[in-house]
Amino acid sequence: MALAKAGVEFRLHPYEHDAGAQAYGEEAADALGVPYDRIFKTLVAEVEGGLAVAVVPVAAKLDLKAFAAALKSKRAAMADAAKVERVTGYVVGGISPLGQRRLLPTVVDSSALGFETIYFSAGRRGLQIETAPRNLVDLTQAITAPIAKTS
């Protein structure tokens, strides 16, 4: 695991995944008793340079215009799920921003920096990682920007 290899503090939080769940992040938040704004989902979008990763709170949507701007791209669109799974090595609903087959440009929503720790997928449905947001930013070589929108 990338976090262990980097020697940073983290905790794993397993929970019982419901195969019928559609909103994986909200399911994790509810199962773990964590506020929605501290659980982050990993989304993959197409930008001019190829695929890029967005990490946003589960209760929010990705602002594609803000995401594109953060990556100095003209536009962004959500990537095809099959392509995302092939490129990242993870299944949708269990995509982690860490440990992907290759490092993709990554943007973490700046709201993450307001928390001592945040939660995000550990690479499979039913398992979340809790760590300091700076650890995630450093290990993914991410930039931070306001890329989430509510409603």
N, C-alpha and C. Protein backbone atom coordinates (compact mmCIF):
# COMPACT_ATOMS: atom_id res chain seq x y z
N MET A 1 0.84 -1.20 0.00
CA MET A 1 0.00 0.00 0.00
C MET A 1 0.87 1.25 0.00
N ALA A 2 0.51 2.21 -0.81
CA ALA A 2 1.30 3.43 -1.00
C ALA A 2 1.52 4.19 0.30
N LEU A 3 0.51 4.25 1.15
CA LEU A 3 0.64 4.99 2.40
C LEU A 3 1.64 4.33 3.34
N ALA A 4 1.60 3.02 3.45
CA ALA A 4 2.54 2.30 4.30
C ALA A 4 3.96 2.46 3.77
N LYS A 5 4.11 2.33 2.45
CA LYS A 5 5.43 2.47 1.82
C LYS A 5 6.01 3.86 2.06
N ALA A 6 5.14 4.88 2.07
CA ALA A 6 5.57 6.25 2.30
C ALA A 6 5.81 6.55 3.77
N GLY A 7 5.39 5.64 4.64
CA GLY A 7 5.60 5.83 6.07
C GLY A 7 4.71 6.89 6.70
N VAL A 8 3.53 7.11 6.12
CA VAL A 8 2.63 8.11 6.69
C VAL A 8 1.54 7.43 7.51
N GLU A 9 0.98 8.18 8.45
CA GLU A 9 -0.08 7.65 9.30
C GLU A 9 -1.38 7.52 8.54
N PHE A 10 -2.05 6.39 8.73
CA PHE A 10 -3.36 6.17 8.13
C PHE A 10 -4.06 5.08 8.90
N ARG A 11 -5.37 5.02 8.72
CA ARG A 11 -6.18 3.94 9.30
C ARG A 11 -7.09 3.39 8.22
N LEU A 12 -7.28 2.07 8.24
CA LEU A 12 -8.23 1.45 7.33
C LEU A 12 -9.55 1.26 8.06
N HIS A 13 -10.65 1.51 7.35
CA HIS A 13 -11.98 1.38 7.92
C HIS A 13 -12.83 0.47 7.02
N PRO A 14 -12.89 -0.82 7.36
CA PRO A 14 -13.76 -1.71 6.58
C PRO A 14 -15.22 -1.53 7.02
N TYR A 15 -16.12 -1.81 6.10
CA TYR A 15 -17.55 -1.80 6.41
C TYR A 15 -18.22 -2.80 5.49
N GLU A 16 -19.42 -3.20 5.85
CA GLU A 16 -20.18 -4.16 5.06
C GLU A 16 -20.78 -3.46 3.85
N HIS A 17 -20.30 -3.79 2.66
CA HIS A 17 -20.80 -3.18 1.43
C HIS A 17 -22.08 -3.87 0.99
N ASP A 18 -23.09 -3.08 0.68
CA ASP A 18 -24.36 -3.59 0.17
C ASP A 18 -24.27 -3.62 -1.36
N ALA A 19 -24.33 -4.80 -1.94
CA ALA A 19 -24.20 -4.95 -3.39
C ALA A 19 -25.25 -4.17 -4.17
N GLY A 20 -26.36 -3.82 -3.53
CA GLY A 20 -27.41 -3.05 -4.19
C GLY A 20 -27.21 -1.55 -4.09
N ALA A 21 -26.21 -1.11 -3.37
CA ALA A 21 -25.98 0.33 -3.17
C ALA A 21 -25.59 1.00 -4.48
N GLN A 22 -26.13 2.16 -4.71
CA GLN A 22 -25.80 2.94 -5.90
C GLN A 22 -24.86 4.10 -5.59
N ALA A 23 -25.00 4.68 -4.42
CA ALA A 23 -24.18 5.82 -4.01
C ALA A 23 -23.12 5.30 -3.04
N TYR A 24 -21.98 4.90 -3.58
CA TYR A 24 -20.96 4.22 -2.78
C TYR A 24 -20.39 5.10 -1.67
N GLY A 25 -20.13 6.36 -1.96
CA GLY A 25 -19.58 7.26 -0.96
C GLY A 25 -20.53 7.50 0.19
N GLU A 26 -21.79 7.74 -0.14
CA GLU A 26 -22.79 7.95 0.90
C GLU A 26 -22.96 6.68 1.73
N GLU A 27 -22.90 5.52 1.07
CA GLU A 27 -22.99 4.25 1.79
C GLU A 27 -21.84 4.15 2.80
N ALA A 28 -20.64 4.49 2.38
CA ALA A 28 -19.48 4.44 3.28
C ALA A 28 -19.65 5.39 4.46
N ALA A 29 -20.10 6.61 4.16
CA ALA A 29 -20.29 7.60 5.23
C ALA A 29 -21.31 7.11 6.25
N ASP A 30 -22.42 6.60 5.76
CA ASP A 30 -23.46 6.10 6.66
C ASP A 30 -22.96 4.91 7.48
N ALA A 31 -22.27 3.99 6.84
CA ALA A 31 -21.78 2.79 7.53
C ALA A 31 -20.75 3.12 8.59
N LEU A 32 -19.93 4.14 8.32
CA LEU A 32 -18.86 4.49 9.24
C LEU A 32 -19.24 5.61 10.21
N GLY A 33 -20.42 6.21 10.01
CA GLY A 33 -20.84 7.30 10.87
C GLY A 33 -20.00 8.55 10.71
N VAL A 34 -19.59 8.82 9.48
CA VAL A 34 -18.74 9.97 9.18
C VAL A 34 -19.54 10.98 8.36
N PRO A 35 -19.41 12.28 8.67
CA PRO A 35 -20.12 13.29 7.88
C PRO A 35 -19.75 13.21 6.39
N TYR A 36 -20.73 13.45 5.54
CA TYR A 36 -20.53 13.37 4.09
C TYR A 36 -19.39 14.26 3.59
N ASP A 37 -19.17 15.39 4.25
CA ASP A 37 -18.13 16.31 3.75
C ASP A 37 -16.72 15.83 4.06
N ARG A 38 -16.57 14.77 4.87
CA ARG A 38 -15.23 14.23 5.18
C ARG A 38 -14.92 12.97 4.38
N ILE A 39 -15.90 12.44 3.66
CA ILE A 39 -15.67 11.27 2.80
C ILE A 39 -15.56 11.79 1.37
N PHE A 40 -14.49 11.43 0.71
CA PHE A 40 -14.23 11.93 -0.63
C PHE A 40 -14.31 10.80 -1.65
N LYS A 41 -14.90 11.13 -2.79
CA LYS A 41 -15.01 10.15 -3.87
C LYS A 41 -13.95 10.48 -4.93
N THR A 42 -13.55 9.44 -5.64
CA THR A 42 -12.55 9.57 -6.69
C THR A 42 -13.27 9.45 -8.03
N LEU A 43 -13.19 10.49 -8.81
CA LEU A 43 -13.81 10.53 -10.13
C LEU A 43 -12.72 10.68 -11.18
N VAL A 44 -12.97 10.14 -12.36
CA VAL A 44 -11.99 10.26 -13.44
C VAL A 44 -12.68 10.92 -14.63
N ALA A 45 -12.01 11.92 -15.17
CA ALA A 45 -12.56 12.68 -16.29
C ALA A 45 -11.54 12.75 -17.42
N GLU A 46 -12.06 13.00 -18.61
CA GLU A 46 -11.21 13.22 -19.79
C GLU A 46 -10.95 14.71 -19.90
N VAL A 47 -9.68 15.06 -20.03
CA VAL A 47 -9.29 16.43 -20.33
C VAL A 47 -8.44 16.38 -21.60
N GLU A 48 -8.01 17.51 -22.08
CA GLU A 48 -7.27 17.53 -23.34
C GLU A 48 -6.04 16.62 -23.35
N GLY A 49 -5.38 16.50 -22.21
CA GLY A 49 -4.17 15.68 -22.15
C GLY A 49 -4.43 14.21 -21.88
N GLY A 50 -5.69 13.80 -21.72
CA GLY A 50 -6.01 12.41 -21.41
C GLY A 50 -6.87 12.33 -20.16
N LEU A 51 -6.69 11.30 -19.38
CA LEU A 51 -7.48 11.13 -18.16
C LEU A 51 -6.85 11.88 -16.99
N ALA A 52 -7.72 12.33 -16.09
CA ALA A 52 -7.27 13.01 -14.88
C ALA A 52 -8.23 12.65 -13.75
N VAL A 53 -7.74 12.72 -12.53
CA VAL A 53 -8.48 12.32 -11.34
C VAL A 53 -8.96 13.54 -10.56
N ALA A 54 -10.20 13.47 -10.12
CA ALA A 54 -10.78 14.50 -9.25
C ALA A 54 -11.18 13.83 -7.94
N VAL A 55 -10.86 14.46 -6.83
CA VAL A 55 -11.23 13.94 -5.51
C VAL A 55 -12.10 15.01 -4.85
N VAL A 56 -13.40 14.68 -4.69
CA VAL A 56 -14.38 15.64 -4.18
C VAL A 56 -15.23 15.00 -3.08
N PRO A 57 -15.83 15.82 -2.21
CA PRO A 57 -16.70 15.26 -1.17
C PRO A 57 -17.86 14.49 -1.81
N VAL A 58 -18.29 13.41 -1.14
CA VAL A 58 -19.34 12.57 -1.72
C VAL A 58 -20.66 13.30 -1.88
N ALA A 59 -20.92 14.30 -1.07
CA ALA A 59 -22.20 15.02 -1.16
C ALA A 59 -22.19 16.06 -2.28
N ALA A 60 -21.05 16.26 -2.92
CA ALA A 60 -20.92 17.28 -3.95
C ALA A 60 -20.81 16.64 -5.33
N LYS A 61 -20.92 17.48 -6.34
CA LYS A 61 -20.69 17.06 -7.71
C LYS A 61 -19.39 17.70 -8.17
N LEU A 62 -18.79 17.11 -9.16
CA LEU A 62 -17.59 17.69 -9.75
C LEU A 62 -17.98 18.83 -10.67
N ASP A 63 -17.39 20.00 -10.44
CA ASP A 63 -17.58 21.15 -11.32
C ASP A 63 -16.57 20.97 -12.46
N LEU A 64 -17.06 20.47 -13.59
CA LEU A 64 -16.16 20.14 -14.70
C LEU A 64 -15.41 21.36 -15.23
N LYS A 65 -16.05 22.52 -15.23
CA LYS A 65 -15.37 23.73 -15.71
C LYS A 65 -14.22 24.11 -14.78
N ALA A 66 -14.47 24.05 -13.47
CA ALA A 66 -13.42 24.37 -12.49
C ALA A 66 -12.30 23.34 -12.55
N PHE A 67 -12.67 22.08 -12.74
CA PHE A 67 -11.68 21.00 -12.85
C PHE A 67 -10.79 21.23 -14.06
N ALA A 68 -11.40 21.51 -15.21
CA ALA A 68 -10.63 21.77 -16.42
C ALA A 68 -9.71 22.96 -16.22
N ALA A 69 -10.23 24.02 -15.62
CA ALA A 69 -9.42 25.22 -15.39
C ALA A 69 -8.24 24.92 -14.48
N ALA A 70 -8.46 24.11 -13.45
CA ALA A 70 -7.37 23.77 -12.52
C ALA A 70 -6.24 23.03 -13.24
N LEU A 71 -6.60 22.29 -14.28
CA LEU A 71 -5.61 21.54 -15.05
C LEU A 71 -5.17 22.28 -16.32
N LYS A 72 -5.58 23.54 -16.42
CA LYS A 72 -5.25 24.38 -17.58
C LYS A 72 -5.69 23.73 -18.89
N SER A 73 -6.89 23.18 -18.84
CA SER A 73 -7.50 22.53 -19.99
C SER A 73 -8.73 23.33 -20.39
N LYS A 74 -9.13 23.25 -21.66
CA LYS A 74 -10.30 24.00 -22.11
C LYS A 74 -11.60 23.38 -21.63
N ARG A 75 -11.62 22.03 -21.52
CA ARG A 75 -12.86 21.38 -21.09
C ARG A 75 -12.55 20.04 -20.44
N ALA A 76 -13.55 19.53 -19.76
CA ALA A 76 -13.45 18.21 -19.13
C ALA A 76 -14.81 17.53 -19.26
N ALA A 77 -14.80 16.22 -19.36
CA ALA A 77 -16.02 15.41 -19.40
C ALA A 77 -15.76 14.12 -18.64
N MET A 78 -16.78 13.61 -17.99
CA MET A 78 -16.62 12.37 -17.26
C MET A 78 -16.16 11.27 -18.23
N ALA A 79 -15.23 10.46 -17.77
CA ALA A 79 -14.67 9.39 -18.61
C ALA A 79 -15.58 8.17 -18.59
N ASP A 80 -15.49 7.37 -19.61
CA ASP A 80 -16.24 6.12 -19.73
C ASP A 80 -15.79 5.15 -18.63
N ALA A 81 -16.76 4.55 -17.95
CA ALA A 81 -16.47 3.68 -16.80
C ALA A 81 -15.54 2.52 -17.17
N ALA A 82 -15.76 1.89 -18.30
CA ALA A 82 -14.92 0.75 -18.70
C ALA A 82 -13.48 1.20 -18.91
N LYS A 83 -13.32 2.36 -19.51
CA LYS A 83 -11.96 2.90 -19.73
C LYS A 83 -11.31 3.23 -18.40
N VAL A 84 -12.08 3.82 -17.48
CA VAL A 84 -11.55 4.18 -16.16
C VAL A 84 -11.07 2.92 -15.44
N GLU A 85 -11.86 1.87 -15.47
CA GLU A 85 -11.48 0.63 -14.78
C GLU A 85 -10.22 0.03 -15.40
N ARG A 86 -10.13 0.08 -16.72
CA ARG A 86 -8.96 -0.46 -17.42
C ARG A 86 -7.69 0.33 -17.08
N VAL A 87 -7.80 1.65 -17.07
CA VAL A 87 -6.63 2.50 -16.84
C VAL A 87 -6.20 2.52 -15.37
N THR A 88 -7.17 2.56 -14.45
CA THR A 88 -6.82 2.66 -13.03
C THR A 88 -6.53 1.31 -12.39
N GLY A 89 -7.16 0.27 -12.89
CA GLY A 89 -7.02 -1.04 -12.27
C GLY A 89 -8.04 -1.27 -11.17
N TYR A 90 -8.96 -0.35 -10.98
CA TYR A 90 -10.00 -0.44 -9.95
C TYR A 90 -11.38 -0.51 -10.58
N VAL A 91 -12.35 -1.03 -9.81
CA VAL A 91 -13.74 -1.03 -10.29
C VAL A 91 -14.43 0.22 -9.80
N VAL A 92 -15.39 0.70 -10.59
CA VAL A 92 -16.17 1.86 -10.23
C VAL A 92 -16.82 1.61 -8.87
N GLY A 93 -16.76 2.60 -8.00
CA GLY A 93 -17.26 2.45 -6.65
C GLY A 93 -16.17 2.04 -5.68
N GLY A 94 -15.00 1.69 -6.22
CA GLY A 94 -13.86 1.30 -5.39
C GLY A 94 -12.58 1.91 -5.92
N ILE A 95 -12.70 2.98 -6.69
CA ILE A 95 -11.51 3.61 -7.27
C ILE A 95 -10.82 4.45 -6.20
N SER A 96 -9.57 4.15 -5.97
CA SER A 96 -8.77 4.91 -5.03
C SER A 96 -7.90 5.90 -5.80
N PRO A 97 -7.65 7.06 -5.22
CA PRO A 97 -6.73 7.98 -5.87
C PRO A 97 -5.28 7.50 -5.75
N LEU A 98 -5.04 6.51 -4.87
CA LEU A 98 -3.70 5.96 -4.67
C LEU A 98 -3.58 4.60 -5.34
N GLY A 99 -2.37 4.25 -5.76
CA GLY A 99 -2.10 2.91 -6.26
C GLY A 99 -2.68 2.58 -7.61
N GLN A 100 -2.97 3.60 -8.40
CA GLN A 100 -3.48 3.33 -9.74
C GLN A 100 -2.35 2.81 -10.62
N ARG A 101 -2.71 2.18 -11.71
CA ARG A 101 -1.70 1.57 -12.59
C ARG A 101 -0.65 2.58 -13.03
N ARG A 102 -1.07 3.80 -13.26
CA ARG A 102 -0.12 4.88 -13.54
C ARG A 102 -0.65 6.16 -12.91
N LEU A 103 0.26 7.02 -12.54
CA LEU A 103 -0.11 8.26 -11.88
C LEU A 103 -0.76 9.20 -12.89
N LEU A 104 -2.01 9.55 -12.61
CA LEU A 104 -2.73 10.49 -13.47
C LEU A 104 -2.72 11.85 -12.81
N PRO A 105 -2.81 12.93 -13.61
CA PRO A 105 -2.93 14.25 -13.00
C PRO A 105 -4.12 14.24 -12.04
N THR A 106 -3.93 14.79 -10.86
CA THR A 106 -4.94 14.71 -9.81
C THR A 106 -5.21 16.07 -9.22
N VAL A 107 -6.50 16.35 -9.00
CA VAL A 107 -6.92 17.58 -8.33
C VAL A 107 -7.78 17.17 -7.14
N VAL A 108 -7.38 17.62 -5.96
CA VAL A 108 -8.15 17.37 -4.74
C VAL A 108 -8.91 18.66 -4.41
N ASP A 109 -10.21 18.52 -4.16
CA ASP A 109 -10.99 19.71 -3.80
C ASP A 109 -10.38 20.36 -2.57
N SER A 110 -10.25 21.67 -2.62
CA SER A 110 -9.58 22.40 -1.55
C SER A 110 -10.29 22.28 -0.20
N SER A 111 -11.55 21.87 -0.18
CA SER A 111 -12.24 21.70 1.10
C SER A 111 -11.58 20.62 1.96
N ALA A 112 -10.87 19.70 1.33
CA ALA A 112 -10.20 18.62 2.07
C ALA A 112 -9.20 19.18 3.08
N LEU A 113 -8.58 20.29 2.73
CA LEU A 113 -7.55 20.85 3.59
C LEU A 113 -8.10 21.43 4.89
N GLY A 114 -9.41 21.55 4.99
CA GLY A 114 -10.04 22.06 6.20
C GLY A 114 -10.23 21.00 7.28
N PHE A 115 -9.85 19.77 7.00
CA PHE A 115 -10.03 18.68 7.96
C PHE A 115 -8.68 18.14 8.41
N GLU A 116 -8.65 17.64 9.65
CA GLU A 116 -7.45 16.99 10.15
C GLU A 116 -7.21 15.70 9.39
N THR A 117 -8.29 14.94 9.16
CA THR A 117 -8.21 13.72 8.34
C THR A 117 -9.42 13.67 7.42
N ILE A 118 -9.25 12.97 6.32
CA ILE A 118 -10.34 12.70 5.38
C ILE A 118 -10.36 11.21 5.09
N TYR A 119 -11.46 10.76 4.50
CA TYR A 119 -11.64 9.36 4.13
C TYR A 119 -11.79 9.28 2.62
N PHE A 120 -11.26 8.20 2.04
CA PHE A 120 -11.44 7.95 0.62
C PHE A 120 -11.25 6.45 0.38
N SER A 121 -11.63 5.99 -0.79
CA SER A 121 -11.59 4.56 -1.08
C SER A 121 -10.19 3.99 -0.99
N ALA A 122 -10.11 2.81 -0.40
CA ALA A 122 -8.84 2.09 -0.31
C ALA A 122 -8.64 1.15 -1.49
N GLY A 123 -9.52 1.23 -2.48
CA GLY A 123 -9.33 0.43 -3.69
C GLY A 123 -10.33 -0.69 -3.88
N ARG A 124 -11.29 -0.76 -2.99
CA ARG A 124 -12.39 -1.71 -3.19
C ARG A 124 -13.59 -1.22 -2.41
N ARG A 125 -14.75 -1.63 -2.87
CA ARG A 125 -15.98 -1.27 -2.17
C ARG A 125 -15.95 -1.92 -0.78
N GLY A 126 -16.29 -1.15 0.24
CA GLY A 126 -16.30 -1.69 1.59
C GLY A 126 -15.04 -1.42 2.39
N LEU A 127 -14.14 -0.58 1.86
CA LEU A 127 -12.92 -0.26 2.59
C LEU A 127 -12.50 1.17 2.32
N GLN A 128 -12.39 1.94 3.39
CA GLN A 128 -11.99 3.34 3.29
C GLN A 128 -10.67 3.56 4.01
N ILE A 129 -9.89 4.52 3.52
CA ILE A 129 -8.65 4.96 4.16
C ILE A 129 -8.94 6.29 4.85
N GLU A 130 -8.41 6.46 6.03
CA GLU A 130 -8.45 7.75 6.73
C GLU A 130 -7.01 8.22 6.90
N THR A 131 -6.74 9.42 6.44
CA THR A 131 -5.40 10.00 6.58
C THR A 131 -5.50 11.51 6.48
N ALA A 132 -4.42 12.18 6.77
CA ALA A 132 -4.38 13.64 6.62
C ALA A 132 -4.47 13.99 5.14
N PRO A 133 -5.24 15.02 4.79
CA PRO A 133 -5.37 15.38 3.37
C PRO A 133 -4.03 15.68 2.71
N ARG A 134 -3.09 16.22 3.46
CA ARG A 134 -1.78 16.55 2.88
C ARG A 134 -1.07 15.28 2.41
N ASN A 135 -1.27 14.15 3.12
CA ASN A 135 -0.68 12.89 2.68
C ASN A 135 -1.19 12.49 1.30
N LEU A 136 -2.51 12.62 1.11
CA LEU A 136 -3.10 12.29 -0.18
C LEU A 136 -2.55 13.21 -1.27
N VAL A 137 -2.51 14.49 -0.99
CA VAL A 137 -2.02 15.47 -1.97
C VAL A 137 -0.57 15.16 -2.35
N ASP A 138 0.26 14.91 -1.33
CA ASP A 138 1.67 14.64 -1.60
C ASP A 138 1.88 13.35 -2.40
N LEU A 139 1.20 12.28 -2.00
CA LEU A 139 1.42 10.98 -2.65
C LEU A 139 0.87 10.91 -4.08
N THR A 140 -0.13 11.71 -4.38
CA THR A 140 -0.67 11.73 -5.74
C THR A 140 -0.09 12.88 -6.57
N GLN A 141 0.78 13.67 -5.93
CA GLN A 141 1.35 14.86 -6.58
C GLN A 141 0.23 15.77 -7.09
N ALA A 142 -0.83 15.86 -6.28
CA ALA A 142 -2.02 16.59 -6.68
C ALA A 142 -1.86 18.10 -6.49
N ILE A 143 -2.75 18.80 -7.16
CA ILE A 143 -2.96 20.20 -6.86
C ILE A 143 -4.29 20.29 -6.14
N THR A 144 -4.49 21.36 -5.40
CA THR A 144 -5.78 21.56 -4.75
C THR A 144 -6.45 22.77 -5.39
N ALA A 145 -7.75 22.67 -5.53
CA ALA A 145 -8.53 23.76 -6.13
C ALA A 145 -9.99 23.53 -5.76
N PRO A 146 -10.80 24.60 -5.79
CA PRO A 146 -12.23 24.44 -5.51
C PRO A 146 -12.94 23.85 -6.72
N ILE A 147 -13.05 22.53 -6.76
CA ILE A 147 -13.62 21.84 -7.93
C ILE A 147 -14.95 21.17 -7.63
N ALA A 148 -15.44 21.32 -6.39
CA ALA A 148 -16.72 20.69 -6.03
C ALA A 148 -17.83 21.72 -6.05
N LYS A 149 -19.02 21.26 -6.42
CA LYS A 149 -20.19 22.13 -6.33
C LYS A 149 -21.31 21.35 -5.67
N THR A 150 -22.05 22.03 -4.83
CA THR A 150 -23.17 21.38 -4.18
C THR A 150 -24.43 21.68 -4.98
N SER A 151 -25.37 20.79 -4.93
CA SER A 151 -26.65 20.83 -5.67
C SER A 151 -26.56 20.37 -7.10
